[in-house]
Amino acid sequence: MTGNVWGYRGTSGHLQGVDLSGFKVEAVDGGIGKVDKHSDEAGSAYIVVDTGPWIFGKEVLLPAGTVSRIDVDEERIYIDRTKEQIKNAPEFHRDTHLEDAGYHDELTAYYRVGDAFGGRPL
């Protein structure tokens, strides 16, 4: 996998302008929640997932590059990371991290593109 972690892959099925809010999100090993917010901004695309009870109602920000597939008909987004990798990502706080370049750099390093397994080892 190569490319920008903040951009959707050409093979993901992402369609500009489709509202992903409410779509269920699936890691490689099971569901992690629903999309609460998303951005299609070029070079800074992401989804914010409300994890519900999975990790105590926290939200996680996932760069668009972690999305392997979007099924618009089923309203599901598939992520190419495990639940454990997502749970161990840098903690997200909506009120401070959405527009924080330093936080985005931290996520870029964590979910870096091009590693054999993606992201840091568990």
Protein backbone atom coordinates (compact mmCIF):
# COMPACT_ATOMS: atom_id res chain seq x y z
CA MET A 1 0.00 0.00 0.00
CA THR A 2 1.42 3.36 -0.97
CA GLY A 3 0.11 6.90 -1.04
CA ASN A 4 -1.22 9.52 1.31
CA VAL A 5 -2.80 8.29 4.54
CA TRP A 6 -5.14 11.32 4.38
CA GLY A 7 -6.66 10.42 1.01
CA TYR A 8 -9.11 7.69 -0.03
CA ARG A 9 -7.67 4.92 -2.17
CA GLY A 10 -8.92 4.86 -5.73
CA THR A 11 -10.17 1.31 -5.13
CA SER A 12 -12.15 2.10 -1.93
CA GLY A 13 -15.40 2.93 -3.69
CA HIS A 14 -15.50 6.39 -2.12
CA LEU A 15 -17.76 8.78 -4.00
CA GLN A 16 -17.31 12.51 -3.47
CA GLY A 17 -20.40 14.08 -1.91
CA VAL A 18 -21.84 10.88 -0.37
CA ASP A 19 -22.78 11.48 3.27
CA LEU A 20 -21.10 8.71 5.27
CA SER A 21 -22.68 9.76 8.58
CA GLY A 22 -24.30 6.79 10.30
CA PHE A 23 -22.45 4.17 8.22
CA LYS A 24 -21.30 1.18 10.29
CA VAL A 25 -17.54 0.76 10.50
CA GLU A 26 -15.85 -2.65 10.39
CA ALA A 27 -12.24 -3.36 11.33
CA VAL A 28 -10.69 -6.54 9.93
CA ASP A 29 -11.80 -8.38 13.07
CA GLY A 30 -15.25 -6.89 13.72
CA GLY A 31 -17.41 -3.82 14.15
CA ILE A 32 -16.09 -0.74 15.89
CA GLY A 33 -19.00 1.72 15.68
CA LYS A 34 -20.64 4.25 13.39
CA VAL A 35 -19.43 7.29 11.49
CA ASP A 36 -20.29 10.45 13.40
CA LYS A 37 -18.45 12.94 11.15
CA HIS A 38 -16.37 12.81 8.00
CA SER A 39 -14.34 15.09 5.81
CA ASP A 40 -13.57 14.76 2.13
CA GLU A 41 -11.07 17.63 2.15
CA ALA A 42 -8.23 16.88 -0.24
CA GLY A 43 -5.10 15.85 1.66
CA SER A 44 -6.96 15.77 4.98
CA ALA A 45 -9.86 13.34 4.50
CA TYR A 46 -10.96 11.31 7.53
CA ILE A 47 -13.85 9.69 9.38
CA VAL A 48 -14.68 10.14 13.05
CA VAL A 49 -16.14 6.96 14.53
CA ASP A 50 -18.34 6.88 17.62
CA THR A 51 -17.24 3.59 19.17
CA GLY A 52 -20.22 3.28 21.52
CA PRO A 53 -19.60 0.69 24.23
CA TRP A 54 -16.66 -0.90 22.38
CA ILE A 55 -14.13 1.49 23.97
CA PHE A 56 -16.36 3.20 26.49
CA GLY A 57 -18.10 5.64 24.20
CA LYS A 58 -14.95 7.26 22.88
CA GLU A 59 -14.49 8.57 19.38
CA VAL A 60 -11.60 7.72 17.09
CA LEU A 61 -10.36 9.63 14.06
CA LEU A 62 -9.34 7.40 11.17
CA PRO A 63 -7.48 8.84 8.18
CA ALA A 64 -9.19 8.06 4.87
CA GLY A 65 -6.21 5.94 3.82
CA THR A 66 -7.23 3.28 6.38
CA VAL A 67 -10.50 2.73 4.47
CA SER A 68 -10.21 -0.33 2.27
CA ARG A 69 -13.79 -0.39 0.99
CA ILE A 70 -17.06 1.52 1.23
CA ASP A 71 -20.33 -0.29 0.56
CA VAL A 72 -22.89 2.46 -0.01
CA ASP A 73 -25.79 0.02 -0.42
CA GLU A 74 -25.12 -1.66 2.96
CA GLU A 75 -23.93 1.62 4.53
CA ARG A 76 -20.71 0.00 5.75
CA ILE A 77 -17.11 1.15 5.74
CA TYR A 78 -14.33 -1.42 5.98
CA ILE A 79 -11.04 -0.45 7.63
CA ASP A 80 -7.79 -2.36 6.99
CA ARG A 81 -6.71 -2.31 10.64
CA THR A 82 -7.53 -4.50 13.64
CA LYS A 83 -9.61 -3.36 16.59
CA GLU A 84 -6.47 -3.48 18.72
CA GLN A 85 -4.55 -1.20 16.32
CA ILE A 86 -7.43 1.28 16.34
CA LYS A 87 -7.80 1.11 20.12
CA ASN A 88 -4.06 1.79 20.57
CA ALA A 89 -4.01 4.81 18.23
CA PRO A 90 -3.26 8.25 19.72
CA GLU A 91 -6.28 9.30 21.79
CA PHE A 92 -8.71 11.60 20.00
CA HIS A 93 -10.48 14.61 21.52
CA ARG A 94 -12.83 16.28 19.04
CA ASP A 95 -12.62 19.75 20.58
CA THR A 96 -8.81 19.91 20.30
CA HIS A 97 -7.67 17.45 17.63
CA LEU A 98 -9.88 17.94 14.54
CA GLU A 99 -7.85 20.84 13.17
CA ASP A 100 -4.60 20.15 15.06
CA ALA A 101 -1.72 19.66 12.59
CA GLY A 102 0.43 18.08 15.30
CA TYR A 103 -2.23 15.45 16.02
CA HIS A 104 -2.57 14.75 12.30
CA ASP A 105 1.22 14.24 12.16
CA GLU A 106 0.95 11.82 15.08
CA LEU A 107 -1.75 9.83 13.27
CA THR A 108 0.24 9.90 10.04
CA ALA A 109 3.15 8.27 11.87
CA TYR A 110 0.86 5.75 13.58
CA TYR A 111 -1.07 4.76 10.46
CA ARG A 112 1.86 5.32 8.10
CA VAL A 113 1.34 4.02 4.62
CA GLY A 114 3.76 1.58 3.07
CA ASP A 115 4.52 -0.62 6.08
CA ALA A 116 4.06 -4.32 5.52
CA PHE A 117 1.27 -4.47 8.09
CA GLY A 118 0.33 -0.80 8.37
CA GLY A 119 0.91 1.28 11.48
CA ARG A 120 3.14 0.50 14.42
CA PRO A 121 3.51 -3.10 15.59
CA LEU A 122 1.16 -4.15 18.36
